Amino acid sequence: MGWFDKVLGDDRQRAETKYAGRESATDKAARQRRQGHRRGIGKAAAQGQAWEERDRQRDRKGGWRRTTW
């Protein structure tokens, strides 16, 4: 413990009382990072579904990919 801690007190103890019940900056950044990764999932799924539907339509119509089997 340095002289500064003796003057002001223990930082951890002060932080536990002053910021009790609040989200830490580290936890907040991690939460936002996780949310950012999930942000594009719905859009990508919708684009994949639309592509799949178009592909099925081409198969049903017999588009440019006619199979011999």
C-alpha atoms as a PDB file:
ATOM      1  CA  MET A   1       0.000   0.000   0.000  1.00  0.00           C
ATOM      2  CA  GLY A   2       1.503   3.297  -1.050  1.00  0.00           C
ATOM      3  CA  TRP A   3       1.237   6.690   0.594  1.00  0.00           C
ATOM      4  CA  PHE A   4      -1.489   7.689  -1.856  1.00  0.00           C
ATOM      5  CA  ASP A   5      -3.692   4.796  -0.717  1.00  0.00           C
ATOM      6  CA  LYS A   6      -3.187   5.868   2.879  1.00  0.00           C
ATOM      7  CA  VAL A   7      -4.388   9.370   2.041  1.00  0.00           C
ATOM      8  CA  LEU A   8      -7.404   8.476  -0.107  1.00  0.00           C
ATOM      9  CA  GLY A   9      -8.204   4.946   1.029  1.00  0.00           C
ATOM     10  CA  ASP A  10      -8.457   1.679  -0.836  1.00  0.00           C
ATOM     11  CA  ASP A  11      -9.597   2.102  -4.465  1.00  0.00           C
ATOM     12  CA  ARG A  12     -11.256  -1.303  -4.651  1.00  0.00           C
ATOM     13  CA  GLN A  13     -13.227  -0.764  -1.506  1.00  0.00           C
ATOM     14  CA  ARG A  14     -14.304   2.694  -2.680  1.00  0.00           C
ATOM     15  CA  ALA A  15     -15.290   1.337  -6.103  1.00  0.00           C
ATOM     16  CA  GLU A  16     -17.326  -1.482  -4.553  1.00  0.00           C
ATOM     17  CA  THR A  17     -19.434   0.993  -2.619  1.00  0.00           C
ATOM     18  CA  LYS A  18     -19.618   3.826  -5.136  1.00  0.00           C
ATOM     19  CA  TYR A  19     -20.395   1.718  -8.212  1.00  0.00           C
ATOM     20  CA  ALA A  20     -22.368  -1.093  -6.591  1.00  0.00           C
ATOM     21  CA  GLY A  21     -25.124  -2.368  -8.878  1.00  0.00           C
ATOM     22  CA  ARG A  22     -23.761  -0.667 -11.997  1.00  0.00           C
ATOM     23  CA  GLU A  23     -22.433  -2.413 -15.088  1.00  0.00           C
ATOM     24  CA  SER A  24     -18.672  -2.166 -15.410  1.00  0.00           C
ATOM     25  CA  ALA A  25     -17.107  -0.652 -18.514  1.00  0.00           C
ATOM     26  CA  THR A  26     -15.576  -4.026 -19.381  1.00  0.00           C
ATOM     27  CA  ASP A  27     -18.915  -5.820 -19.115  1.00  0.00           C
ATOM     28  CA  LYS A  28     -20.622  -3.094 -21.134  1.00  0.00           C
ATOM     29  CA  ALA A  29     -18.036  -3.310 -23.928  1.00  0.00           C
ATOM     30  CA  ALA A  30     -18.323  -7.112 -24.011  1.00  0.00           C
ATOM     31  CA  ARG A  31     -22.130  -6.926 -24.170  1.00  0.00           C
ATOM     32  CA  GLN A  32     -22.042  -4.395 -27.005  1.00  0.00           C
ATOM     33  CA  ARG A  33     -19.508  -6.509 -28.883  1.00  0.00           C
ATOM     34  CA  ARG A  34     -21.756  -9.587 -28.592  1.00  0.00           C
ATOM     35  CA  GLN A  35     -24.789  -7.611 -29.728  1.00  0.00           C
ATOM     36  CA  GLY A  36     -22.842  -6.282 -32.706  1.00  0.00           C
ATOM     37  CA  HIS A  37     -22.019  -9.804 -33.824  1.00  0.00           C
ATOM     38  CA  ARG A  38     -25.683 -10.772 -33.735  1.00  0.00           C
ATOM     39  CA  ARG A  39     -26.889  -7.640 -35.475  1.00  0.00           C
ATOM     40  CA  GLY A  40     -26.596  -8.979 -39.043  1.00  0.00           C
ATOM     41  CA  ILE A  41     -27.920 -12.492 -38.467  1.00  0.00           C
ATOM     42  CA  GLY A  42     -31.535 -11.708 -39.361  1.00  0.00           C
ATOM     43  CA  LYS A  43     -30.599  -9.887 -42.545  1.00  0.00           C
ATOM     44  CA  ALA A  44     -28.272 -12.680 -43.673  1.00  0.00           C
ATOM     45  CA  ALA A  45     -30.945 -15.288 -42.963  1.00  0.00           C
ATOM     46  CA  ALA A  46     -33.520 -13.339 -44.970  1.00  0.00           C
ATOM     47  CA  GLN A  47     -31.128 -12.981 -47.907  1.00  0.00           C
ATOM     48  CA  GLY A  48     -30.362 -16.693 -47.814  1.00  0.00           C
ATOM     49  CA  GLN A  49     -34.045 -17.558 -47.743  1.00  0.00           C
ATOM     50  CA  ALA A  50     -34.764 -15.240 -50.676  1.00  0.00           C
ATOM     51  CA  TRP A  51     -31.935 -16.822 -52.673  1.00  0.00           C
ATOM     52  CA  GLU A  52     -33.252 -20.293 -51.857  1.00  0.00           C
ATOM     53  CA  GLU A  53     -36.767 -19.355 -53.017  1.00  0.00           C
ATOM     54  CA  ARG A  54     -35.444 -17.903 -56.286  1.00  0.00           C
ATOM     55  CA  ASP A  55     -33.370 -21.031 -56.841  1.00  0.00           C
ATOM     56  CA  ARG A  56     -36.396 -23.263 -56.297  1.00  0.00           C
ATOM     57  CA  GLN A  57     -38.452 -21.155 -58.698  1.00  0.00           C
ATOM     58  CA  ARG A  58     -35.779 -21.587 -61.374  1.00  0.00           C
ATOM     59  CA  ASP A  59     -35.752 -25.326 -60.778  1.00  0.00           C
ATOM     60  CA  ARG A  60     -39.543 -25.533 -61.089  1.00  0.00           C
ATOM     61  CA  LYS A  61     -39.614 -23.448 -64.275  1.00  0.00           C
ATOM     62  CA  GLY A  62     -36.730 -25.346 -65.757  1.00  0.00           C
ATOM     63  CA  GLY A  63     -34.583 -22.201 -66.101  1.00  0.00           C
ATOM     64  CA  TRP A  64     -31.116 -22.297 -67.571  1.00  0.00           C
ATOM     65  CA  ARG A  65     -30.093 -25.371 -65.589  1.00  0.00           C
ATOM     66  CA  ARG A  66     -31.963 -28.201 -67.211  1.00  0.00           C
ATOM     67  CA  THR A  67     -30.937 -31.562 -65.943  1.00  0.00           C
ATOM     68  CA  THR A  68     -30.969 -34.762 -67.928  1.00  0.00           C
ATOM     69  CA  TRP A  69     -31.995 -36.966 -65.028  1.00  0.00           C
END
